[in-house]
C-alpha atoms as a PDB file:
ATOM      1  CA  MET A   1      -0.222   0.381   0.196  1.00  0.00           C
ATOM      2  CA  LYS A   2       1.021   3.167  -1.124  1.00  0.00           C
ATOM      3  CA  LEU A   3       0.646   6.659   0.398  1.00  0.00           C
ATOM      4  CA  ARG A   4       2.215  10.386   0.584  1.00  0.00           C
ATOM      5  CA  ILE A   5       2.660  12.356   2.803  1.00  0.00           C
ATOM      6  CA  ALA A   6       3.711  15.733   3.757  1.00  0.00           C
ATOM      7  CA  THR A   7       4.201  18.193   7.129  1.00  0.00           C
ATOM      8  CA  TYR A   8       3.919  21.643   7.476  1.00  0.00           C
ATOM      9  CA  ASN A   9       4.197  24.052   9.961  1.00  0.00           C
ATOM     10  CA  ILE A  10       1.329  26.944   8.250  1.00  0.00           C
ATOM     11  CA  HIS A  11       1.973  29.871  10.516  1.00  0.00           C
ATOM     12  CA  LYS A  12      -1.514  30.308  11.725  1.00  0.00           C
ATOM     13  CA  GLY A  13      -2.160  31.174   7.814  1.00  0.00           C
ATOM     14  CA  VAL A  14      -1.271  34.308   8.430  1.00  0.00           C
ATOM     15  CA  SER A  15       1.647  36.730   7.202  1.00  0.00           C
ATOM     16  CA  ALA A  16       4.862  38.049   9.818  1.00  0.00           C
ATOM     17  CA  PHE A  17       2.378  39.946  11.916  1.00  0.00           C
ATOM     18  CA  GLY A  18      -0.998  38.779  11.588  1.00  0.00           C
ATOM     19  CA  ARG A  19      -0.812  41.381   8.094  1.00  0.00           C
ATOM     20  CA  LYS A  20      -1.401  39.294   6.071  1.00  0.00           C
ATOM     21  CA  ALA A  21      -4.569  36.255   5.182  1.00  0.00           C
ATOM     22  CA  ARG A  22      -2.168  33.455   3.727  1.00  0.00           C
ATOM     23  CA  ILE A  23      -4.560  30.566   4.380  1.00  0.00           C
ATOM     24  CA  HIS A  24      -6.501  30.539   0.883  1.00  0.00           C
ATOM     25  CA  GLY A  25      -2.952  30.278  -0.975  1.00  0.00           C
ATOM     26  CA  ILE A  26      -1.965  27.126   1.446  1.00  0.00           C
ATOM     27  CA  LYS A  27      -4.642  25.880   0.520  1.00  0.00           C
ATOM     28  CA  GLU A  28      -4.854  25.925  -3.292  1.00  0.00           C
ATOM     29  CA  ALA A  29      -0.724  25.242  -2.204  1.00  0.00           C
ATOM     30  CA  ILE A  30      -1.599  21.683   0.079  1.00  0.00           C
ATOM     31  CA  ASP A  31      -4.277  20.602  -2.363  1.00  0.00           C
ATOM     32  CA  LEU A  32      -2.092  20.733  -5.104  1.00  0.00           C
ATOM     33  CA  LEU A  33       0.738  18.712  -3.129  1.00  0.00           C
ATOM     34  CA  GLN A  34      -2.000  15.153  -3.262  1.00  0.00           C
ATOM     35  CA  ALA A  35      -0.909  14.141  -0.192  1.00  0.00           C
ATOM     36  CA  ASP A  36      -3.242  11.194   1.443  1.00  0.00           C
ATOM     37  CA  LEU A  37      -1.980  12.364   4.641  1.00  0.00           C
ATOM     38  CA  VAL A  38      -1.439  15.986   5.743  1.00  0.00           C
ATOM     39  CA  PHE A  39       0.539  16.713   9.066  1.00  0.00           C
ATOM     40  CA  LEU A  40      -0.107  20.437   9.822  1.00  0.00           C
ATOM     41  CA  GLN A  41       0.992  22.502  12.984  1.00  0.00           C
ATOM     42  CA  GLU A  42       0.173  26.677  13.990  1.00  0.00           C
ATOM     43  CA  VAL A  43      -3.066  25.434  13.459  1.00  0.00           C
ATOM     44  CA  GLN A  44      -5.924  28.214  13.990  1.00  0.00           C
ATOM     45  CA  GLY A  45      -9.012  26.955  15.404  1.00  0.00           C
ATOM     46  CA  GLN A  46      -9.963  29.970  15.659  1.00  0.00           C
ATOM     47  CA  HIS A  47      -9.071  33.727  16.022  1.00  0.00           C
ATOM     48  CA  ASP A  48     -11.500  36.024  16.245  1.00  0.00           C
ATOM     49  CA  HIS A  49      -9.660  39.337  15.312  1.00  0.00           C
ATOM     50  CA  HIS A  50      -8.289  37.433  12.194  1.00  0.00           C
ATOM     51  CA  ALA A  51     -12.159  36.781  11.672  1.00  0.00           C
ATOM     52  CA  GLU A  52     -12.536  40.773  11.759  1.00  0.00           C
ATOM     53  CA  LEU A  53      -9.296  41.794  10.246  1.00  0.00           C
ATOM     54  CA  HIS A  54      -8.957  39.998   6.831  1.00  0.00           C
ATOM     55  CA  THR A  55     -11.914  39.774   4.584  1.00  0.00           C
ATOM     56  CA  HIS A  56     -12.832  36.013   3.705  1.00  0.00           C
ATOM     57  CA  TRP A  57     -11.532  34.687   6.513  1.00  0.00           C
ATOM     58  CA  PRO A  58     -12.616  30.950   6.928  1.00  0.00           C
ATOM     59  CA  GLN A  59     -15.847  30.519   9.358  1.00  0.00           C
ATOM     60  CA  GLU A  60     -14.417  27.202  10.572  1.00  0.00           C
ATOM     61  CA  GLY A  61     -11.386  26.324  11.851  1.00  0.00           C
ATOM     62  CA  GLN A  62      -8.231  26.389   9.647  1.00  0.00           C
ATOM     63  CA  HIS A  63      -7.843  22.699   9.952  1.00  0.00           C
ATOM     64  CA  ASP A  64     -11.987  21.717   8.380  1.00  0.00           C
ATOM     65  CA  PHE A  65     -11.125  24.768   6.238  1.00  0.00           C
ATOM     66  CA  LEU A  66      -8.165  22.569   4.649  1.00  0.00           C
ATOM     67  CA  ALA A  67      -9.249  19.397   4.781  1.00  0.00           C
ATOM     68  CA  GLY A  68     -11.854  20.595   2.462  1.00  0.00           C
ATOM     69  CA  GLU A  69     -14.465  17.728   1.166  1.00  0.00           C
ATOM     70  CA  SER A  70     -11.236  15.497   0.437  1.00  0.00           C
ATOM     71  CA  HIS A  71      -9.865  15.045   3.823  1.00  0.00           C
ATOM     72  CA  HIS A  72     -10.909  14.145   7.135  1.00  0.00           C
ATOM     73  CA  ALA A  73      -9.947  16.317  10.272  1.00  0.00           C
ATOM     74  CA  ALA A  74      -8.206  15.629  13.374  1.00  0.00           C
ATOM     75  CA  TYR A  75      -7.581  18.909  15.708  1.00  0.00           C
ATOM     76  CA  GLY A  76      -5.755  19.231  19.066  1.00  0.00           C
ATOM     77  CA  MET A  77      -5.477  22.279  20.272  1.00  0.00           C
ATOM     78  CA  ASN A  78      -3.144  23.777  22.226  1.00  0.00           C
ATOM     79  CA  ALA A  79      -2.615  27.262  23.018  1.00  0.00           C
ATOM     80  CA  VAL A  80      -5.399  28.966  24.118  1.00  0.00           C
ATOM     81  CA  TYR A  81      -5.773  33.246  24.461  1.00  0.00           C
ATOM     82  CA  GLU A  82      -8.844  34.878  24.672  1.00  0.00           C
ATOM     83  CA  HIS A  83      -9.515  35.433  20.888  1.00  0.00           C
ATOM     84  CA  GLY A  84      -8.994  31.735  20.111  1.00  0.00           C
ATOM     85  CA  HIS A  85      -6.817  28.656  20.133  1.00  0.00           C
ATOM     86  CA  HIS A  86      -4.413  26.959  18.268  1.00  0.00           C
ATOM     87  CA  GLY A  87      -2.395  23.013  17.904  1.00  0.00           C
ATOM     88  CA  ASN A  88      -1.825  19.931  15.662  1.00  0.00           C
ATOM     89  CA  ALA A  89      -4.200  18.658  12.934  1.00  0.00           C
ATOM     90  CA  LEU A  90      -4.037  15.984  10.673  1.00  0.00           C
ATOM     91  CA  LEU A  91      -6.012  15.814   7.766  1.00  0.00           C
ATOM     92  CA  SER A  92      -6.720  12.183   5.914  1.00  0.00           C
ATOM     93  CA  ARG A  93      -8.134  10.805   3.130  1.00  0.00           C
ATOM     94  CA  TYR A  94      -8.773   7.577   5.093  1.00  0.00           C
ATOM     95  CA  PRO A  95     -10.711   7.047   7.848  1.00  0.00           C
ATOM     96  CA  ILE A  96      -9.998   8.875  11.312  1.00  0.00           C
ATOM     97  CA  SER A  97     -10.615   5.836  13.764  1.00  0.00           C
ATOM     98  CA  SER A  98      -9.943   7.605  16.432  1.00  0.00           C
ATOM     99  CA  PHE A  99      -7.644  10.559  18.535  1.00  0.00           C
ATOM    100  CA  VAL A 100      -6.345  12.169  21.688  1.00  0.00           C
ATOM    101  CA  ASN A 101      -3.960  15.174  22.419  1.00  0.00           C
ATOM    102  CA  HIS A 102      -0.910  14.990  24.810  1.00  0.00           C
ATOM    103  CA  ASP A 103      -1.071  17.770  26.881  1.00  0.00           C
ATOM    104  CA  VAL A 104       3.267  18.086  27.060  1.00  0.00           C
ATOM    105  CA  SER A 105       3.101  21.776  28.064  1.00  0.00           C
ATOM    106  CA  ASP A 106       6.751  22.450  29.478  1.00  0.00           C
ATOM    107  CA  HIS A 107       6.308  25.770  31.772  1.00  0.00           C
ATOM    108  CA  ALA A 108       3.514  28.543  31.221  1.00  0.00           C
ATOM    109  CA  TYR A 109       4.818  30.143  28.948  1.00  0.00           C
ATOM    110  CA  GLU A 110       4.780  27.748  25.832  1.00  0.00           C
ATOM    111  CA  GLN A 111       1.627  25.446  25.590  1.00  0.00           C
ATOM    112  CA  ARG A 112       2.259  22.308  23.450  1.00  0.00           C
ATOM    113  CA  GLY A 113       0.553  18.961  22.902  1.00  0.00           C
ATOM    114  CA  ILE A 114       1.430  16.046  20.651  1.00  0.00           C
ATOM    115  CA  LEU A 115      -1.658  14.957  18.425  1.00  0.00           C
ATOM    116  CA  HIS A 116      -1.949  10.847  18.088  1.00  0.00           C
ATOM    117  CA  ALA A 117      -4.353   9.663  15.521  1.00  0.00           C
ATOM    118  CA  VAL A 118      -5.012   6.360  14.042  1.00  0.00           C
ATOM    119  CA  VAL A 119      -5.769   6.062  10.669  1.00  0.00           C
ATOM    120  CA  ARG A 120      -7.124   2.436   9.069  1.00  0.00           C
ATOM    121  CA  VAL A 121      -5.324   2.361   6.003  1.00  0.00           C
ATOM    122  CA  ALA A 122      -6.041  -1.142   4.353  1.00  0.00           C
ATOM    123  CA  GLU A 123      -7.205  -3.373   7.509  1.00  0.00           C
ATOM    124  CA  VAL A 124      -3.700  -1.832   8.940  1.00  0.00           C
ATOM    125  CA  ASP A 125      -3.998   0.681  12.081  1.00  0.00           C
ATOM    126  CA  VAL A 126      -1.379   3.365  10.858  1.00  0.00           C
ATOM    127  CA  HIS A 127      -0.287   5.747  13.887  1.00  0.00           C
ATOM    128  CA  CYS A 128       0.320   9.040  13.303  1.00  0.00           C
ATOM    129  CA  PHE A 129       2.088  11.528  15.854  1.00  0.00           C
ATOM    130  CA  VAL A 130       1.756  15.369  14.768  1.00  0.00           C
ATOM    131  CA  ILE A 131       4.676  17.263  16.856  1.00  0.00           C
ATOM    132  CA  HIS A 132       5.766  20.396  17.617  1.00  0.00           C
ATOM    133  CA  LEU A 133       8.001  20.795  20.332  1.00  0.00           C
ATOM    134  CA  GLY A 134       9.068  23.965  22.404  1.00  0.00           C
ATOM    135  CA  LEU A 135      11.972  26.823  22.010  1.00  0.00           C
ATOM    136  CA  PHE A 136      14.484  25.187  25.211  1.00  0.00           C
ATOM    137  CA  ALA A 137      16.421  21.940  24.372  1.00  0.00           C
ATOM    138  CA  ALA A 138      15.360  20.644  27.923  1.00  0.00           C
ATOM    139  CA  SER A 139      11.909  21.090  27.479  1.00  0.00           C
ATOM    140  CA  ARG A 140      12.654  19.286  23.806  1.00  0.00           C
ATOM    141  CA  ARG A 141      14.308  16.228  25.312  1.00  0.00           C
ATOM    142  CA  ARG A 142      11.525  16.398  28.162  1.00  0.00           C
ATOM    143  CA  GLN A 143       8.265  16.435  25.684  1.00  0.00           C
ATOM    144  CA  VAL A 144      10.163  13.514  23.252  1.00  0.00           C
ATOM    145  CA  GLN A 145      10.545  11.388  26.004  1.00  0.00           C
ATOM    146  CA  ALA A 146       7.079  11.654  27.338  1.00  0.00           C
ATOM    147  CA  LEU A 147       5.998  11.109  22.963  1.00  0.00           C
ATOM    148  CA  ILE A 148       8.161   7.934  23.491  1.00  0.00           C
ATOM    149  CA  GLN A 149       7.034   6.790  26.586  1.00  0.00           C
ATOM    150  CA  ALA A 150       3.240   6.804  25.312  1.00  0.00           C
ATOM    151  CA  ILE A 151       4.286   4.817  22.128  1.00  0.00           C
ATOM    152  CA  LYS A 152       5.591   2.657  24.308  1.00  0.00           C
ATOM    153  CA  LYS A 153       2.298   2.063  26.974  1.00  0.00           C
ATOM    154  CA  ASP A 154      -0.453   2.279  23.980  1.00  0.00           C
ATOM    155  CA  LEU A 155       0.940   0.583  20.968  1.00  0.00           C
ATOM    156  CA  PRO A 156       2.041  -2.220  19.648  1.00  0.00           C
ATOM    157  CA  ALA A 157       5.945  -3.188  19.433  1.00  0.00           C
ATOM    158  CA  ASP A 158       5.569  -3.253  15.663  1.00  0.00           C
ATOM    159  CA  ALA A 159       2.580  -0.795  15.561  1.00  0.00           C
ATOM    160  CA  PRO A 160       2.740   1.577  11.753  1.00  0.00           C
ATOM    161  CA  LEU A 161       4.170   4.889  12.737  1.00  0.00           C
ATOM    162  CA  ILE A 162       4.594   8.476  11.265  1.00  0.00           C
ATOM    163  CA  ILE A 163       5.991  11.221  13.772  1.00  0.00           C
ATOM    164  CA  ALA A 164       5.959  14.047  11.405  1.00  0.00           C
ATOM    165  CA  GLY A 165       6.038  18.047  12.300  1.00  0.00           C
ATOM    166  CA  ASP A 166       7.740  21.210  13.617  1.00  0.00           C
ATOM    167  CA  PHE A 167      10.705  19.220  16.218  1.00  0.00           C
ATOM    168  CA  ASN A 168      12.754  22.783  16.803  1.00  0.00           C
ATOM    169  CA  ASP A 169      15.579  20.854  17.365  1.00  0.00           C
ATOM    170  CA  TRP A 170      18.158  23.169  15.515  1.00  0.00           C
ATOM    171  CA  GLY A 171      20.912  20.704  16.413  1.00  0.00           C
ATOM    172  CA  LYS A 172      19.796  17.649  15.382  1.00  0.00           C
ATOM    173  CA  ARG A 173      20.349  16.519  19.040  1.00  0.00           C
ATOM    174  CA  LEU A 174      16.895  14.418  19.070  1.00  0.00           C
ATOM    175  CA  SER A 175      17.408  11.646  16.334  1.00  0.00           C
ATOM    176  CA  HIS A 176      19.950   9.490  17.783  1.00  0.00           C
ATOM    177  CA  THR A 177      17.062   9.037  20.770  1.00  0.00           C
ATOM    178  CA  LEU A 178      14.465   8.413  18.526  1.00  0.00           C
ATOM    179  CA  TYR A 179      16.373   5.685  17.115  1.00  0.00           C
ATOM    180  CA  GLN A 180      17.079   4.099  19.684  1.00  0.00           C
ATOM    181  CA  GLU A 181      14.108   4.333  21.757  1.00  0.00           C
ATOM    182  CA  LEU A 182      11.342   3.502  18.803  1.00  0.00           C
ATOM    183  CA  GLY A 183      13.128   1.303  16.124  1.00  0.00           C
ATOM    184  CA  VAL A 184      11.877   4.890  13.669  1.00  0.00           C
ATOM    185  CA  PHE A 185      13.867   6.399  10.346  1.00  0.00           C
ATOM    186  CA  GLU A 186      13.773   9.428   9.496  1.00  0.00           C
ATOM    187  CA  ALA A 187      12.724  10.683   5.665  1.00  0.00           C
ATOM    188  CA  PHE A 188      16.290  12.260   4.655  1.00  0.00           C
ATOM    189  CA  ASP A 189      18.223   9.813   6.468  1.00  0.00           C
ATOM    190  CA  ILE A 190      21.157   7.818   4.450  1.00  0.00           C
ATOM    191  CA  ASP A 191      19.553   4.887   2.633  1.00  0.00           C
ATOM    192  CA  ALA A 192      16.482   5.681   3.932  1.00  0.00           C
ATOM    193  CA  SER A 193      14.610   3.415   1.539  1.00  0.00           C
ATOM    194  CA  HIS A 194      15.946   0.564   2.979  1.00  0.00           C
ATOM    195  CA  GLY A 195      13.701   0.867   5.599  1.00  0.00           C
ATOM    196  CA  ALA A 196      13.876  -1.420   8.157  1.00  0.00           C
ATOM    197  CA  SER A 197      17.343  -3.402   6.718  1.00  0.00           C
ATOM    198  CA  ARG A 198      19.281   0.287   8.219  1.00  0.00           C
ATOM    199  CA  PHE A 199      18.325   0.208  11.827  1.00  0.00           C
ATOM    200  CA  SER A 200      20.418  -1.988  13.510  1.00  0.00           C
ATOM    201  CA  LEU A 201      23.573   0.025  11.539  1.00  0.00           C
ATOM    202  CA  LYS A 202      21.617   3.083  12.890  1.00  0.00           C
ATOM    203  CA  GLY A 203      21.106   1.827  16.716  1.00  0.00           C
ATOM    204  CA  MET A 204      25.240   1.479  16.592  1.00  0.00           C
ATOM    205  CA  ARG A 205      26.140   4.828  15.071  1.00  0.00           C
ATOM    206  CA  SER A 206      24.313   6.531  17.575  1.00  0.00           C
ATOM    207  CA  MET A 207      24.856   4.683  20.535  1.00  0.00           C
ATOM    208  CA  PHE A 208      28.323   5.764  20.014  1.00  0.00           C
ATOM    209  CA  GLY A 209      27.201   9.385  19.248  1.00  0.00           C
ATOM    210  CA  LYS A 210      27.338   9.503  15.895  1.00  0.00           C
ATOM    211  CA  ASN A 211      25.061  11.970  14.035  1.00  0.00           C
ATOM    212  CA  THR A 212      25.036  10.315  10.724  1.00  0.00           C
ATOM    213  CA  SER A 213      21.284  12.056  10.125  1.00  0.00           C
ATOM    214  CA  LYS A 214      21.085  14.253   6.863  1.00  0.00           C
ATOM    215  CA  HIS A 215      17.646  16.045   7.444  1.00  0.00           C
ATOM    216  CA  ALA A 216      15.907  18.539   5.715  1.00  0.00           C
ATOM    217  CA  ARG A 217      16.445  21.494   5.614  1.00  0.00           C
ATOM    218  CA  THR A 218      12.892  23.560   5.986  1.00  0.00           C
ATOM    219  CA  PHE A 219      13.203  27.182   7.778  1.00  0.00           C
ATOM    220  CA  PRO A 220      13.219  29.984   6.992  1.00  0.00           C
ATOM    221  CA  ALA A 221      11.260  29.789   4.119  1.00  0.00           C
ATOM    222  CA  SER A 222      12.938  32.565   2.079  1.00  0.00           C
ATOM    223  CA  LEU A 223      15.966  31.163   2.149  1.00  0.00           C
ATOM    224  CA  PRO A 224      15.907  27.406   4.299  1.00  0.00           C
ATOM    225  CA  TRP A 225      19.246  26.597   6.120  1.00  0.00           C
ATOM    226  CA  PHE A 226      17.756  24.936   9.446  1.00  0.00           C
ATOM    227  CA  CYS A 227      16.617  21.503  10.162  1.00  0.00           C
ATOM    228  CA  LEU A 228      13.511  21.884  11.661  1.00  0.00           C
ATOM    229  CA  ASP A 229      11.189  19.506  10.420  1.00  0.00           C
ATOM    230  CA  ARG A 230      11.175  15.925  10.282  1.00  0.00           C
ATOM    231  CA  VAL A 231       8.907  12.456   8.977  1.00  0.00           C
ATOM    232  CA  TYR A 232       9.883   9.713  11.451  1.00  0.00           C
ATOM    233  CA  LEU A 233       8.495   6.644  10.020  1.00  0.00           C
ATOM    234  CA  ARG A 234       8.447   2.727  11.546  1.00  0.00           C
ATOM    235  CA  GLY A 235       6.722   0.101   9.130  1.00  0.00           C
ATOM    236  CA  PHE A 236       7.493   1.935   5.927  1.00  0.00           C
ATOM    237  CA  LYS A 237       9.899   2.153   2.666  1.00  0.00           C
ATOM    238  CA  VAL A 238      10.809   5.470   1.325  1.00  0.00           C
ATOM    239  CA  SER A 239       9.971   6.231  -2.122  1.00  0.00           C
ATOM    240  CA  ASP A 240      11.227   9.343  -2.690  1.00  0.00           C
ATOM    241  CA  ALA A 241      11.360  12.514   0.516  1.00  0.00           C
ATOM    242  CA  THR A 242      11.321  15.954  -0.990  1.00  0.00           C
ATOM    243  CA  VAL A 243      11.731  20.131   0.924  1.00  0.00           C
ATOM    244  CA  MET A 244       8.781  22.068  -1.287  1.00  0.00           C
ATOM    245  CA  THR A 245      11.124  25.354  -1.963  1.00  0.00           C
ATOM    246  CA  GLY A 246      10.841  28.348  -4.054  1.00  0.00           C
ATOM    247  CA  ALA A 247       7.161  29.749  -5.291  1.00  0.00           C
ATOM    248  CA  PRO A 248       4.567  29.714  -3.903  1.00  0.00           C
ATOM    249  CA  TRP A 249       5.574  28.297  -0.455  1.00  0.00           C
ATOM    250  CA  SER A 250       9.062  30.998   0.353  1.00  0.00           C
ATOM    251  CA  ALA A 251       5.453  32.676   0.554  1.00  0.00           C
ATOM    252  CA  LEU A 252       3.203  31.620   2.549  1.00  0.00           C
ATOM    253  CA  SER A 253       4.748  30.472   6.157  1.00  0.00           C
ATOM    254  CA  ASP A 254       8.257  30.402   7.873  1.00  0.00           C
ATOM    255  CA  HIS A 255       8.250  27.182   7.053  1.00  0.00           C
ATOM    256  CA  VAL A 256       8.364  24.614   3.554  1.00  0.00           C
ATOM    257  CA  PRO A 257       7.041  21.449   3.766  1.00  0.00           C
ATOM    258  CA  ILE A 258       8.542  18.208   3.357  1.00  0.00           C
ATOM    259  CA  THR A 259       6.649  15.742   1.133  1.00  0.00           C
ATOM    260  CA  ALA A 260       7.179  12.177   0.975  1.00  0.00           C
ATOM    261  CA  ASN A 261       6.002   8.766  -0.526  1.00  0.00           C
ATOM    262  CA  LEU A 262       5.937   5.734   1.420  1.00  0.00           C
ATOM    263  CA  GLU A 263       5.175   1.965   0.839  1.00  0.00           C
ATOM    264  CA  LEU A 264       3.584  -0.143   3.593  1.00  0.00           C
ATOM    265  CA  LEU A 265       5.446  -3.231   4.731  1.00  0.00           C
ATOM    266  CA  GLU A 266       3.827  -5.998   5.178  1.00  0.00           C
ATOM    267  CA  LYS A 267       1.645  -6.208   8.119  1.00  0.00           C
ATOM    268  CA  THR A 268      -0.903  -9.095   9.534  1.00  0.00           C
ATOM    269  CA  PRO A 269      -3.863  -6.826   9.426  1.00  0.00           C
ATOM    270  CA  SER A 270      -5.201  -5.422  13.114  1.00  0.00           C
ATOM    271  CA  LYS A 271      -8.412  -6.917  14.451  1.00  0.00           C
END
């Protein structure tokens, strides 16, 4: 079974400082990706000020607006304020069996969550985690540990995983922990197309503290340099992964999206 996925921080659908609405352009651009699963961060569930300021601002939450008629949507509300709220979302062509939002806020100044949605694909439950980690390294380490604990506690050890989003991991320090603890690989890693066959070698390298990861540069959108956005996988093979640079992406958000074409490895159907 083949899947096309994307991950994208949409900056709440507005330009810097909220001066210009970008949400309609973002919808058109996401539709062009033709992705089966779209992992979104900084999704505005409600924003009364933007609705008053911008003509044709969507009446529904951005997750439902972006999903349209082609996708199902799950939304995890993280940051709540007087005039609205925002969080993470998953758009899926396939039915979403269930979803839950894990509060991983590390301190009073950042409200963060991890959205876990179960998508039914070819009679297999694919577990999708939409990530937007904190701005401080210590917070990110604790949030990743919370993710690992939830996965180990709630999921079968061989359950197919897609963990995607904005990791804010400027120094690429989190990957080796995820490799070792969850048996995942990142879509842009060396020889990622070989999938599970390289887990053992990757694990050995990371155990010795060698960072062999080659993640995609996705921030800032005008000249991507920092590797903030990631796609970690288990139970899949990657045929190709792409950073969507240039027009229209450079003018829509402060991040550019990643796309990846995947193949779900054979697995006994879930009961």
